Amino acid sequence: MLENLLISNLAIIDKLEIDFSSGMTVLTGETGAGKSIIIDAVGLLAGNRGSQKFIRNGSNKLLIQGLFVFPQEGLTYKILDDLGIDHSDGSVILQREIYRNGKNICRVNGILVNTATLKKIGSTVVDIQGQNDSQDLMQPDKHVQLLDEFGQNDLKPLLKEYNYYYEKYNHLNKLIKEKRNNEKEWSQRLDMLQFQENEIGNANLANGEEERLSQERDHLQNYQKIVDALNLSFSSINGDDAISPLDMIGQAMNAMQSIEDVDSKFDEISDSVKDAFYLLQDASDNISDQVDLQEFDDNRLEEIEERLNVIYELKRKYGDSIEQILQHYDSVKNELSSMQSDKETGENLTEKYNHNYDKLENAAQKISSIRHKVSVELENAIHKQLSDLYMSKTEFKVIFNKLPNKTFNQFGNEHVEFYMRTNPGESLLPLSKVASGGEISRILLALKTVFASSQGITSIVFDEVDTGVSGRVAQAIADKISSISRRSQVLCITHLPQVAAMADHHYFIKKEVSNNRTNTNLVKLNSNDRVEELARMLSGSTVTKLTIEHANELLNLAYDEKK
């Protein structure tokens, strides 16, 4: 429900803050005082189209903010969860700013959203009903959803089953069409992927292989240079004469060791010579080992060159490294697996489509059967409401028509639309084409009375739906609106004293002029003020003792009726 509404710089409203409560709240006032502007504000919060024309003269922007609370199991919180918007405190704040330059800023609990998201949330928050209502009740494509909501206890599990097969139906249908339209491209793609899988798979690549082979190839290509360098190094260290360079350094080491105790400087030199001797001795041994290990295999060099050429060719096609080539290989295998699965093969795909089609048709038929039963219950419920509103001769009918060419949509295989016959002998007409004025107001109110609880919307706004009626019909309308307010919060703009008398809360909207500026203000009426306002609504500008008595009588009757 809407708990608080803040309006700033909207039309003739400078700044207005209103606290609302549950039950039925009426807004009354003289024509032009700004009652509809408040409804416009709620509509803008619900995502209705906004423009610069709403901004108060002399202001750069308008601001509207609404604080709402909902049942935790409600659809609103589910949408917020999907959007990742926190609502842990159990409330939702919708905010909208519209600027002169056309900028439109929407927030939900402080998070920026676009107007489409605001409208999606708003559709679960508030339902605005007017005499020229253009929402769900008057839109034929929404009637099937309203029927399903009315019969949701019986239809919900069937619709869940149907939606499962319908999603598969669309997916399989898309695959078959794509395959038929792109048979040549599909086949070429399959051949190419199979070639790539074979080419890369047969290569048996391993990470680090290229570096290892390159090093081994370089070694073989430089075999002679390596052997010559090793031999020269060994002979340079060990020599060919009786006394080798290494022996001579050994003699130097022995000589220095003999005087190292004489002076610390000699000790340092002795250590250096000793280190040099042992290092050269180790180097000589290592060189000797390497000389023994050197082998040249011309065939091995050829094998390495061929293997590296394979790697280079694959790199040219599939990546700059073996790692990238293997990543491409995994991608190819995944795509091939998808293309070669039974979802994508011709005969299996068609077989699967036909099987799913039968399941879908069966599910649609079960839904249709239950819908026809639910439609009778709905018709009876609407007729009861219409009878209470003194339209007992009006006939409400749910009309079913099969979709053409055995097709399906998200709701089944049939079109559902509400029809009305307002007078005996006339033709049944679509609801969107029935009479206007007080008649359509009552019809919409009857429908809303039935659908209010099933739709789960916690705030319903009635914008002068009582226009064109009076007397006992006005009282019947008042009773209906009051009954709806027992399940949902109701905000109602009215000119009828019968409706105003049934309210739990009554606000008077007045227009004031100060400093050559017009401004709208709202006053919550107490018991005495309500009597005065009802008397004004009954008699117009002149309030008499008799109208005061009549106003009191209306309030007393309303009190008894609500009890």
Protein backbone atom coordinates (compact mmCIF):
# COMPACT_ATOMS: atom_id res chain seq x y z
CA MET A 1 0.00 0.00 0.00
CA LEU A 2 0.99 3.64 -0.46
CA GLU A 3 1.95 5.13 2.91
CA ASN A 4 3.40 8.49 1.94
CA LEU A 5 3.33 10.63 -1.20
CA LEU A 6 5.58 13.66 -1.72
CA ILE A 7 4.90 15.99 -4.68
CA SER A 8 7.03 18.98 -5.58
CA ASN A 9 6.52 21.41 -8.51
CA LEU A 10 3.86 19.38 -10.32
CA ALA A 11 1.41 21.58 -12.28
CA ILE A 12 -0.28 23.87 -9.71
CA ILE A 13 1.16 21.96 -6.75
CA ASP A 14 4.14 23.72 -5.16
CA LYS A 15 4.89 21.16 -2.46
CA LEU A 16 2.55 18.60 -0.97
CA GLU A 17 3.13 15.66 1.34
CA ILE A 18 0.34 13.21 2.15
CA ASP A 19 0.23 10.26 4.54
CA PHE A 20 -2.16 7.51 3.49
CA SER A 21 -3.60 4.62 5.45
CA SER A 22 -5.20 1.30 4.58
CA GLY A 23 -8.86 1.06 3.70
CA MET A 24 -10.72 3.59 1.57
CA THR A 25 -9.50 7.17 1.15
CA VAL A 26 -11.52 9.71 -0.82
CA LEU A 27 -10.31 12.97 -2.32
CA THR A 28 -12.97 15.60 -2.88
CA GLY A 29 -12.96 19.24 -3.84
CA GLU A 30 -14.21 21.72 -6.37
CA THR A 31 -13.56 21.26 -10.07
CA GLY A 32 -10.10 22.48 -11.02
CA ALA A 33 -8.71 22.23 -7.51
CA GLY A 34 -6.14 19.64 -8.59
CA LYS A 35 -7.62 16.28 -7.64
CA SER A 36 -6.56 14.64 -10.91
CA ILE A 37 -3.06 16.09 -10.54
CA ILE A 38 -2.54 13.91 -7.48
CA ILE A 39 -3.63 10.88 -9.50
CA ASP A 40 -1.23 11.98 -12.26
CA ALA A 41 1.55 12.00 -9.65
CA VAL A 42 0.76 8.42 -8.62
CA GLY A 43 0.65 7.47 -12.30
CA LEU A 44 4.08 8.98 -12.93
CA LEU A 45 5.45 6.95 -10.01
CA ALA A 46 3.93 3.85 -11.61
CA GLY A 47 5.85 4.53 -14.83
CA ASN A 48 3.31 6.47 -16.87
CA ARG A 49 4.68 8.71 -19.57
CA GLY A 50 5.97 12.04 -18.28
CA SER A 51 6.94 15.27 -19.99
CA GLN A 52 8.00 18.86 -19.31
CA LYS A 53 4.36 20.01 -19.39
CA PHE A 54 3.90 18.57 -15.89
CA ILE A 55 6.51 20.92 -14.39
CA ARG A 56 5.17 23.90 -12.45
CA ASN A 57 5.77 27.28 -14.11
CA GLY A 58 9.00 28.85 -12.90
CA SER A 59 10.57 25.56 -11.78
CA ASN A 60 13.37 23.60 -13.42
CA LYS A 61 12.17 20.18 -12.35
CA LEU A 62 9.41 18.27 -10.62
CA LEU A 63 9.90 15.59 -7.96
CA ILE A 64 7.54 12.82 -6.92
CA GLN A 65 8.30 10.26 -4.24
CA GLY A 66 6.16 7.46 -2.86
CA LEU A 67 6.73 5.12 0.07
CA PHE A 68 5.07 1.72 -0.38
CA VAL A 69 4.86 -1.44 1.72
CA PHE A 70 3.78 -4.83 0.39
CA PRO A 71 3.29 -8.41 1.55
CA GLN A 72 6.63 -10.24 1.39
CA GLU A 73 5.18 -12.89 -0.91
CA GLY A 74 4.04 -10.22 -3.38
CA LEU A 75 5.23 -9.95 -6.98
CA THR A 76 6.87 -6.55 -6.32
CA TYR A 77 9.55 -7.99 -4.06
CA LYS A 78 10.23 -10.82 -6.50
CA ILE A 79 10.92 -8.25 -9.24
CA LEU A 80 13.18 -6.29 -6.88
CA ASP A 81 15.07 -9.50 -6.03
CA ASP A 82 15.59 -10.16 -9.75
CA LEU A 83 16.94 -6.62 -10.13
CA GLY A 84 19.20 -6.93 -7.09
CA ILE A 85 17.46 -4.05 -5.27
CA ASP A 86 17.49 -4.34 -1.47
CA HIS A 87 14.15 -4.21 0.36
CA SER A 88 15.21 -5.69 3.70
CA ASP A 89 13.43 -2.95 5.65
CA GLY A 90 10.10 -4.08 4.19
CA SER A 91 9.41 -0.95 2.18
CA VAL A 92 9.93 0.40 -1.31
CA ILE A 93 10.57 4.03 -2.19
CA LEU A 94 9.81 5.02 -5.77
CA GLN A 95 11.18 8.39 -6.86
CA ARG A 96 10.96 10.26 -10.14
CA GLU A 97 12.40 13.57 -11.31
CA ILE A 98 11.56 15.26 -14.61
CA TYR A 99 13.67 18.23 -15.79
CA ARG A 100 12.99 21.06 -18.22
CA ASN A 101 15.77 19.80 -20.49
CA GLY A 102 13.93 16.49 -20.87
CA LYS A 103 16.07 14.49 -18.45
CA ASN A 104 14.08 11.85 -16.60
CA ILE A 105 15.59 10.25 -13.47
CA CYS A 106 13.92 7.27 -11.78
CA ARG A 107 15.03 5.56 -8.58
CA VAL A 108 13.85 2.53 -6.64
CA ASN A 109 15.19 2.42 -3.07
CA GLY A 110 17.89 4.82 -4.20
CA ILE A 111 18.98 2.68 -7.17
CA LEU A 112 18.79 4.30 -10.61
CA VAL A 113 16.45 2.49 -13.02
CA ASN A 114 15.03 3.31 -16.45
CA THR A 115 11.37 4.15 -17.02
CA ALA A 116 10.66 0.68 -18.42
CA THR A 117 11.82 -0.91 -15.17
CA LEU A 118 9.86 1.64 -13.14
CA LYS A 119 6.76 0.78 -15.16
CA LYS A 120 7.33 -2.95 -14.62
CA ILE A 121 7.51 -2.39 -10.86
CA GLY A 122 4.69 0.15 -10.95
CA SER A 123 2.31 -2.31 -12.59
CA THR A 124 2.52 -4.43 -9.43
CA VAL A 125 2.27 -1.43 -7.10
CA VAL A 126 -0.80 0.52 -8.12
CA ASP A 127 -3.74 0.11 -10.49
CA ILE A 128 -5.36 3.33 -11.72
CA GLN A 129 -8.94 2.93 -12.92
CA GLY A 130 -10.74 5.74 -14.69
CA GLN A 131 -13.85 6.18 -16.77
CA ASN A 132 -11.67 6.08 -19.87
CA ASP A 133 -9.67 3.19 -18.49
CA SER A 134 -7.05 1.92 -20.92
CA GLN A 135 -5.40 -0.67 -18.73
CA ASP A 136 -5.85 -4.41 -18.47
CA LEU A 137 -9.63 -4.51 -18.29
CA MET A 138 -10.07 -2.76 -21.63
CA GLN A 139 -7.22 -4.47 -23.46
CA PRO A 140 -8.34 -7.72 -25.16
CA ASP A 141 -4.84 -9.20 -25.11
CA LYS A 142 -4.90 -8.97 -21.29
CA HIS A 143 -8.20 -10.79 -20.83
CA VAL A 144 -6.72 -14.28 -20.89
CA GLN A 145 -4.35 -13.31 -18.08
CA LEU A 146 -7.24 -11.91 -16.04
CA LEU A 147 -9.19 -15.13 -16.56
CA ASP A 148 -6.15 -17.17 -15.50
CA GLU A 149 -5.67 -15.01 -12.41
CA PHE A 150 -9.30 -15.53 -11.46
CA GLY A 151 -8.92 -19.30 -11.78
CA GLN A 152 -5.30 -19.51 -10.66
CA ASN A 153 -5.88 -22.26 -8.09
CA ASP A 154 -6.90 -24.67 -10.86
CA LEU A 155 -4.85 -23.22 -13.70
CA LYS A 156 -1.49 -22.36 -12.15
CA PRO A 157 0.03 -25.90 -12.24
CA LEU A 158 -1.32 -26.48 -15.76
CA LEU A 159 0.15 -23.20 -16.98
CA LYS A 160 3.53 -24.10 -15.49
CA GLU A 161 3.48 -27.41 -17.39
CA TYR A 162 2.35 -25.65 -20.58
CA ASN A 163 5.09 -23.01 -20.31
CA TYR A 164 7.72 -25.76 -20.07
CA TYR A 165 6.60 -27.33 -23.35
CA TYR A 166 6.00 -23.93 -24.96
CA GLU A 167 9.61 -22.86 -24.34
CA LYS A 168 10.85 -26.13 -25.85
CA TYR A 169 8.42 -25.66 -28.74
CA ASN A 170 9.89 -22.24 -29.55
CA HIS A 171 13.45 -23.50 -29.18
CA LEU A 172 12.97 -26.55 -31.39
CA ASN A 173 10.97 -24.57 -33.92
CA LYS A 174 13.78 -22.03 -34.12
CA LEU A 175 16.40 -24.76 -34.58
CA ILE A 176 14.43 -26.43 -37.38
CA LYS A 177 13.90 -23.11 -39.19
CA GLU A 178 17.54 -22.18 -38.84
CA LYS A 179 18.62 -25.57 -40.09
CA ARG A 180 16.31 -25.40 -43.07
CA ASN A 181 17.27 -21.84 -43.94
CA ASN A 182 20.97 -22.41 -43.46
CA GLU A 183 21.38 -26.04 -44.46
CA LYS A 184 24.34 -25.31 -46.75
CA GLU A 185 26.06 -22.99 -44.29
CA TRP A 186 25.37 -25.42 -41.45
CA SER A 187 26.90 -28.32 -43.40
CA GLN A 188 29.93 -26.25 -44.38
CA ARG A 189 30.42 -25.16 -40.79
CA LEU A 190 30.18 -28.76 -39.62
CA ASP A 191 32.79 -29.89 -42.18
CA MET A 192 35.14 -27.10 -41.23
CA LEU A 193 34.86 -27.86 -37.50
CA GLN A 194 35.42 -31.55 -38.08
CA PHE A 195 38.55 -30.77 -40.15
CA GLN A 196 39.89 -28.47 -37.44
CA GLU A 197 39.19 -31.01 -34.72
CA ASN A 198 41.04 -33.72 -36.66
CA GLU A 199 43.93 -31.47 -37.60
CA ILE A 200 44.57 -30.22 -34.08
CA GLY A 201 43.67 -33.49 -32.39
CA ASN A 202 46.01 -35.55 -34.57
CA ALA A 203 48.88 -33.18 -33.76
CA ASN A 204 48.79 -34.22 -30.06
CA LEU A 205 50.19 -30.89 -28.93
CA ALA A 206 51.55 -30.39 -25.43
CA ASN A 207 52.17 -27.14 -23.61
CA GLY A 208 55.89 -26.26 -23.55
CA GLU A 209 56.64 -28.61 -26.45
CA GLU A 210 57.66 -25.89 -28.89
CA GLU A 211 60.22 -24.35 -26.52
CA ARG A 212 61.73 -27.77 -25.75
CA LEU A 213 61.99 -28.75 -29.43
CA SER A 214 63.46 -25.40 -30.41
CA GLN A 215 66.16 -25.80 -27.82
CA GLU A 216 66.97 -29.34 -28.98
CA ARG A 217 67.06 -28.24 -32.63
CA ASP A 218 69.42 -25.37 -31.82
CA HIS A 219 71.70 -27.84 -30.03
CA LEU A 220 71.82 -30.22 -33.02
CA GLN A 221 72.30 -27.44 -35.52
CA ASN A 222 75.32 -26.22 -33.53
CA TYR A 223 76.73 -29.69 -32.83
CA GLN A 224 80.17 -29.14 -34.44
CA LYS A 225 80.57 -25.73 -32.91
CA ILE A 226 79.75 -27.16 -29.47
CA VAL A 227 82.16 -30.11 -29.83
CA ASP A 228 84.98 -27.85 -31.05
CA ALA A 229 84.44 -25.39 -28.21
CA LEU A 230 84.38 -28.17 -25.61
CA ASN A 231 87.58 -29.80 -26.95
CA LEU A 232 89.40 -26.51 -27.19
CA SER A 233 88.32 -25.56 -23.69
CA PHE A 234 89.42 -28.93 -22.30
CA SER A 235 92.82 -28.84 -24.02
CA SER A 236 93.35 -25.21 -23.00
CA ILE A 237 92.81 -26.14 -19.38
CA ASN A 238 94.63 -29.50 -19.38
CA GLY A 239 97.16 -28.92 -22.21
CA ASP A 240 99.07 -31.47 -24.26
CA ASP A 241 102.51 -31.15 -22.61
CA ALA A 242 103.84 -32.86 -19.56
CA ILE A 243 102.77 -29.96 -17.37
CA SER A 244 99.30 -28.65 -18.14
CA PRO A 245 97.98 -25.14 -17.36
CA LEU A 246 95.89 -26.70 -14.63
CA ASP A 247 99.02 -28.34 -13.14
CA MET A 248 100.83 -25.02 -13.29
CA ILE A 249 98.00 -23.32 -11.39
CA GLY A 250 98.21 -26.23 -8.92
CA GLN A 251 101.90 -25.48 -8.43
CA ALA A 252 101.06 -21.80 -7.88
CA MET A 253 98.46 -22.84 -5.32
CA ASN A 254 101.02 -24.99 -3.45
CA ALA A 255 103.58 -22.20 -3.51
CA MET A 256 101.15 -19.64 -2.07
CA GLN A 257 100.01 -22.09 0.58
CA SER A 258 103.60 -22.34 1.82
CA ILE A 259 103.69 -18.59 2.67
CA GLU A 260 100.10 -17.89 3.58
CA ASP A 261 100.95 -17.93 7.29
CA VAL A 262 103.60 -15.25 6.86
CA ASP A 263 101.29 -12.41 5.95
CA SER A 264 97.50 -12.05 5.79
CA LYS A 265 97.86 -10.58 2.29
CA PHE A 266 99.49 -13.83 1.14
CA ASP A 267 96.65 -15.77 2.75
CA GLU A 268 94.09 -13.86 0.67
CA ILE A 269 96.06 -14.48 -2.53
CA SER A 270 96.41 -18.16 -1.60
CA ASP A 271 92.62 -18.46 -1.20
CA SER A 272 92.03 -16.82 -4.56
CA VAL A 273 94.44 -19.13 -6.36
CA LYS A 274 93.01 -22.14 -4.53
CA ASP A 275 89.43 -21.15 -5.63
CA ALA A 276 90.61 -20.67 -9.21
CA PHE A 277 92.27 -24.10 -9.21
CA TYR A 278 89.23 -25.98 -7.95
CA LEU A 279 86.84 -24.07 -10.20
CA LEU A 280 88.94 -24.88 -13.23
CA GLN A 281 89.23 -28.48 -12.11
CA ASP A 282 85.39 -28.71 -11.82
CA ALA A 283 85.01 -27.00 -15.20
CA SER A 284 87.47 -29.47 -16.74
CA ASP A 285 85.50 -32.42 -15.38
CA ASN A 286 82.19 -30.96 -16.63
CA ILE A 287 83.65 -30.27 -20.06
CA SER A 288 84.96 -33.82 -20.24
CA ASP A 289 81.51 -35.18 -19.33
CA GLN A 290 79.87 -33.01 -21.99
CA VAL A 291 82.32 -34.14 -24.65
CA ASP A 292 81.38 -37.74 -23.90
CA LEU A 293 77.67 -36.92 -24.07
CA GLN A 294 77.69 -35.16 -27.44
CA GLU A 295 75.96 -37.09 -30.18
CA PHE A 296 74.71 -35.99 -33.55
CA ASP A 297 71.60 -37.61 -35.06
CA ASP A 298 70.71 -36.22 -38.46
CA ASN A 299 67.38 -38.08 -38.43
CA ARG A 300 66.46 -36.57 -35.09
CA LEU A 301 67.13 -33.07 -36.42
CA GLU A 302 64.86 -33.78 -39.37
CA GLU A 303 62.12 -35.06 -37.04
CA ILE A 304 62.34 -31.92 -34.93
CA GLU A 305 62.16 -29.65 -37.98
CA GLU A 306 59.07 -31.47 -39.23
CA ARG A 307 57.40 -31.29 -35.83
CA LEU A 308 58.11 -27.57 -35.48
CA ASN A 309 56.73 -26.97 -38.98
CA VAL A 310 53.50 -28.67 -37.89
CA ILE A 311 53.34 -26.41 -34.84
CA TYR A 312 54.09 -23.27 -36.89
CA GLU A 313 51.34 -24.16 -39.37
CA LEU A 314 48.81 -24.67 -36.58
CA LYS A 315 49.86 -21.38 -34.98
CA ARG A 316 49.31 -19.61 -38.28
CA LYS A 317 45.73 -20.89 -38.36
CA TYR A 318 44.56 -21.12 -34.78
CA GLY A 319 46.61 -19.00 -32.39
CA ASP A 320 49.91 -17.45 -31.43
CA SER A 321 50.87 -20.25 -29.06
CA ILE A 322 50.18 -23.91 -28.34
CA GLU A 323 48.06 -22.78 -25.39
CA GLN A 324 45.83 -20.69 -27.70
CA ILE A 325 45.63 -23.53 -30.23
CA LEU A 326 44.44 -25.93 -27.51
CA GLN A 327 41.86 -23.37 -26.32
CA HIS A 328 40.55 -23.15 -29.88
CA TYR A 329 40.49 -26.96 -29.99
CA ASP A 330 38.25 -27.07 -26.90
CA SER A 331 35.92 -24.48 -28.45
CA VAL A 332 35.71 -26.50 -31.68
CA LYS A 333 34.90 -29.69 -29.76
CA ASN A 334 32.15 -27.95 -27.78
CA GLU A 335 30.53 -26.51 -30.89
CA LEU A 336 30.80 -29.84 -32.69
CA SER A 337 29.23 -31.60 -29.74
CA SER A 338 26.33 -29.18 -29.86
CA MET A 339 25.88 -29.45 -33.62
CA GLN A 340 26.13 -33.23 -33.60
CA SER A 341 23.74 -33.75 -30.68
CA ASP A 342 20.29 -35.05 -31.33
CA LYS A 343 18.95 -31.53 -30.76
CA GLU A 344 20.65 -30.43 -33.92
CA THR A 345 20.43 -33.42 -36.21
CA GLY A 346 17.68 -33.46 -38.76
CA GLU A 347 15.67 -36.60 -38.09
CA ASN A 348 16.08 -36.56 -34.30
CA LEU A 349 15.26 -32.86 -34.17
CA THR A 350 12.04 -33.32 -36.12
CA GLU A 351 11.12 -36.35 -34.03
CA LYS A 352 11.74 -34.40 -30.86
CA TYR A 353 9.73 -31.45 -32.17
CA ASN A 354 6.75 -33.68 -33.00
CA HIS A 355 6.89 -35.34 -29.59
CA ASN A 356 7.00 -31.99 -27.82
CA TYR A 357 4.21 -30.64 -30.05
CA ASP A 358 1.92 -33.45 -28.91
CA LYS A 359 2.76 -32.69 -25.27
CA LEU A 360 2.15 -28.97 -25.84
CA GLU A 361 -1.17 -29.56 -27.58
CA ASN A 362 -2.30 -31.85 -24.78
CA ALA A 363 -1.32 -29.28 -22.14
CA ALA A 364 -3.12 -26.52 -24.07
CA GLN A 365 -6.23 -28.68 -24.30
CA LYS A 366 -6.24 -29.30 -20.54
CA ILE A 367 -5.88 -25.55 -19.94
CA SER A 368 -8.71 -24.80 -22.37
CA SER A 369 -11.00 -27.28 -20.64
CA ILE A 370 -10.37 -25.73 -17.20
CA ARG A 371 -10.62 -22.19 -18.62
CA HIS A 372 -14.10 -22.89 -19.99
CA LYS A 373 -15.21 -24.04 -16.55
CA VAL A 374 -13.54 -21.05 -14.86
CA SER A 375 -15.13 -18.70 -17.42
CA VAL A 376 -18.58 -19.80 -16.29
CA GLU A 377 -17.63 -19.06 -12.69
CA LEU A 378 -16.29 -15.67 -13.77
CA GLU A 379 -19.43 -14.87 -15.74
CA ASN A 380 -21.59 -15.69 -12.73
CA ALA A 381 -19.39 -13.60 -10.44
CA ILE A 382 -19.53 -10.61 -12.82
CA HIS A 383 -23.30 -10.94 -13.24
CA LYS A 384 -23.67 -10.89 -9.45
CA GLN A 385 -21.66 -7.68 -9.26
CA LEU A 386 -23.56 -6.10 -12.16
CA SER A 387 -26.86 -7.02 -10.53
CA ASP A 388 -25.72 -5.29 -7.32
CA LEU A 389 -25.00 -2.23 -9.48
CA TYR A 390 -28.51 -2.33 -11.00
CA MET A 391 -27.40 -3.79 -14.31
CA SER A 392 -29.08 -7.19 -13.96
CA LYS A 393 -30.04 -7.22 -17.65
CA THR A 394 -26.42 -6.77 -18.73
CA GLU A 395 -24.76 -9.94 -19.95
CA PHE A 396 -21.05 -10.65 -19.56
CA LYS A 397 -19.54 -13.38 -21.70
CA VAL A 398 -16.07 -14.88 -22.11
CA ILE A 399 -15.56 -15.71 -25.80
CA PHE A 400 -13.01 -18.29 -26.92
CA ASN A 401 -11.55 -18.59 -30.42
CA LYS A 402 -8.92 -21.09 -31.51
CA LEU A 403 -5.71 -19.63 -32.87
CA PRO A 404 -5.33 -20.22 -36.63
CA ASN A 405 -3.29 -23.02 -38.23
CA LYS A 406 -2.78 -24.98 -35.02
CA THR A 407 -0.47 -22.31 -33.62
CA PHE A 408 0.33 -21.52 -30.00
CA ASN A 409 1.22 -18.44 -28.00
CA GLN A 410 2.47 -18.06 -24.45
CA PHE A 411 -1.06 -18.56 -23.08
CA GLY A 412 -2.24 -21.54 -25.10
CA ASN A 413 -3.89 -22.19 -28.45
CA GLU A 414 -6.91 -19.94 -28.10
CA HIS A 415 -7.80 -16.25 -27.97
CA VAL A 416 -9.85 -15.05 -24.99
CA GLU A 417 -11.86 -11.84 -24.97
CA PHE A 418 -14.53 -10.35 -22.74
CA TYR A 419 -17.84 -9.42 -24.40
CA MET A 420 -20.84 -7.52 -23.06
CA ARG A 421 -24.52 -7.15 -23.96
CA THR A 422 -25.86 -4.12 -22.12
CA ASN A 423 -29.49 -4.50 -23.18
CA PRO A 424 -31.58 -7.55 -24.17
CA GLY A 425 -31.89 -7.97 -27.91
CA GLU A 426 -28.63 -6.20 -28.69
CA SER A 427 -25.54 -7.92 -29.99
CA LEU A 428 -22.69 -9.07 -27.82
CA LEU A 429 -19.87 -6.56 -28.26
CA PRO A 430 -16.22 -6.61 -27.18
CA LEU A 431 -15.77 -4.94 -23.80
CA SER A 432 -13.64 -2.26 -25.43
CA LYS A 433 -16.65 -1.17 -27.54
CA VAL A 434 -19.44 -1.04 -24.98
CA ALA A 435 -21.25 2.18 -24.02
CA SER A 436 -19.51 4.97 -22.16
CA GLY A 437 -20.51 7.16 -19.23
CA GLY A 438 -22.05 5.78 -16.07
CA GLU A 439 -22.67 2.43 -17.74
CA ILE A 440 -19.02 1.69 -18.48
CA SER A 441 -18.08 2.98 -15.02
CA ARG A 442 -20.28 0.38 -13.40
CA ILE A 443 -19.06 -2.37 -15.71
CA LEU A 444 -15.44 -1.58 -14.91
CA LEU A 445 -16.23 -1.42 -11.21
CA ALA A 446 -17.94 -4.82 -11.36
CA LEU A 447 -14.90 -6.30 -13.11
CA LYS A 448 -12.48 -4.67 -10.71
CA THR A 449 -14.45 -5.94 -7.71
CA VAL A 450 -14.06 -9.51 -8.98
CA PHE A 451 -10.43 -9.21 -10.12
CA ALA A 452 -9.03 -7.07 -7.29
CA SER A 453 -8.20 -9.94 -4.95
CA SER A 454 -6.78 -12.26 -7.64
CA GLN A 455 -4.51 -9.59 -9.13
CA GLY A 456 -2.78 -8.99 -5.80
CA ILE A 457 -2.27 -5.23 -6.34
CA THR A 458 -2.21 -3.50 -2.96
CA SER A 459 -3.23 0.02 -4.08
CA ILE A 460 -6.12 0.77 -6.42
CA VAL A 461 -6.99 4.28 -7.59
CA PHE A 462 -10.48 5.11 -8.83
CA ASP A 463 -10.46 8.35 -10.77
CA GLU A 464 -14.08 9.58 -11.01
CA VAL A 465 -15.46 6.17 -11.98
CA ASP A 466 -18.80 7.34 -10.54
CA THR A 467 -19.35 10.01 -13.21
CA GLY A 468 -22.82 10.05 -14.71
CA VAL A 469 -24.66 8.16 -11.97
CA SER A 470 -26.81 9.11 -9.00
CA GLY A 471 -29.34 7.81 -6.51
CA ARG A 472 -29.39 4.12 -5.71
CA VAL A 473 -26.76 3.40 -8.39
CA ALA A 474 -24.41 5.85 -6.69
CA GLN A 475 -24.92 4.04 -3.39
CA ALA A 476 -24.28 0.69 -5.06
CA ILE A 477 -21.02 2.04 -6.51
CA ALA A 478 -20.05 3.33 -3.09
CA ASP A 479 -20.67 -0.09 -1.55
CA LYS A 480 -18.56 -1.81 -4.22
CA ILE A 481 -15.62 0.52 -3.82
CA SER A 482 -15.81 0.07 -0.06
CA SER A 483 -15.85 -3.73 -0.42
CA ILE A 484 -12.72 -3.58 -2.58
CA SER A 485 -10.98 -1.50 0.10
CA ARG A 486 -11.29 -4.42 2.53
CA ARG A 487 -8.75 -6.32 0.42
CA SER A 488 -6.71 -3.50 -1.14
CA GLN A 489 -5.96 0.09 -0.27
CA VAL A 490 -8.29 2.32 -2.31
CA LEU A 491 -7.74 5.97 -3.27
CA CYS A 492 -10.84 7.47 -4.84
CA ILE A 493 -11.58 10.82 -6.44
CA THR A 494 -15.32 11.35 -6.36
CA HIS A 495 -18.09 13.88 -6.81
CA LEU A 496 -20.68 11.64 -5.18
CA PRO A 497 -21.51 12.18 -1.50
CA GLN A 498 -22.60 8.52 -1.23
CA VAL A 499 -19.09 7.41 -2.16
CA ALA A 500 -17.40 9.98 0.06
CA ALA A 501 -19.53 8.90 3.02
CA MET A 502 -18.23 5.30 2.75
CA ALA A 503 -14.61 6.40 3.10
CA ASP A 504 -12.40 5.55 6.05
CA HIS A 505 -10.33 8.68 5.41
CA HIS A 506 -11.41 11.89 3.70
CA TYR A 507 -9.15 14.59 2.20
CA PHE A 508 -10.40 17.90 0.87
CA ILE A 509 -8.42 19.40 -2.00
CA LYS A 510 -8.51 23.15 -2.27
CA LYS A 511 -6.97 25.68 -4.62
CA GLU A 512 -5.49 28.87 -3.19
CA VAL A 513 -3.98 31.97 -4.78
CA SER A 514 -1.09 33.68 -3.00
CA ASN A 515 1.27 36.29 -4.46
CA ASN A 516 -0.38 35.82 -7.85
CA ARG A 517 0.47 32.11 -7.80
CA THR A 518 -2.06 29.28 -7.69
CA ASN A 519 -1.32 26.36 -5.40
CA THR A 520 -3.14 23.16 -4.43
CA ASN A 521 -3.31 22.06 -0.80
CA LEU A 522 -4.76 19.04 0.92
CA VAL A 523 -6.63 18.99 4.22
CA LYS A 524 -7.61 15.84 6.12
CA LEU A 525 -11.17 16.26 7.34
CA ASN A 526 -12.35 15.41 10.83
CA SER A 527 -15.88 14.24 11.59
CA ASN A 528 -17.43 17.74 11.63
CA ASP A 529 -15.54 18.78 8.51
CA ARG A 530 -16.78 15.67 6.70
CA VAL A 531 -20.37 16.59 7.45
CA GLU A 532 -19.78 20.07 6.00
CA GLU A 533 -18.09 18.67 2.87
CA LEU A 534 -20.81 16.06 2.27
CA ALA A 535 -23.43 18.79 2.67
CA ARG A 536 -21.60 20.90 0.09
CA MET A 537 -21.44 17.93 -2.27
CA LEU A 538 -25.19 17.38 -1.80
CA SER A 539 -26.33 20.95 -2.33
CA GLY A 540 -23.56 22.77 -4.11
CA SER A 541 -22.53 26.21 -2.89
CA THR A 542 -25.39 26.73 -0.42
CA VAL A 543 -25.36 24.51 2.64
CA THR A 544 -28.66 24.32 4.49
CA LYS A 545 -29.82 22.71 7.72
CA LEU A 546 -31.52 20.03 5.65
CA THR A 547 -28.36 19.16 3.73
CA ILE A 548 -26.45 18.99 7.02
CA GLU A 549 -29.00 16.49 8.29
CA HIS A 550 -28.79 14.53 5.05
CA ALA A 551 -24.99 14.48 5.29
CA ASN A 552 -25.16 13.14 8.84
CA GLU A 553 -27.62 10.51 7.73
CA LEU A 554 -25.30 9.43 4.91
CA LEU A 555 -22.40 9.04 7.33
CA ASN A 556 -24.49 7.06 9.80
CA LEU A 557 -25.79 4.76 7.07
CA ALA A 558 -22.23 4.27 5.79
CA TYR A 559 -21.05 3.45 9.31
CA ASP A 560 -23.76 0.82 9.71
CA GLU A 561 -23.05 -0.63 6.26
CA LYS A 562 -19.32 -0.99 6.97
CA LYS A 563 -20.01 -2.67 10.30
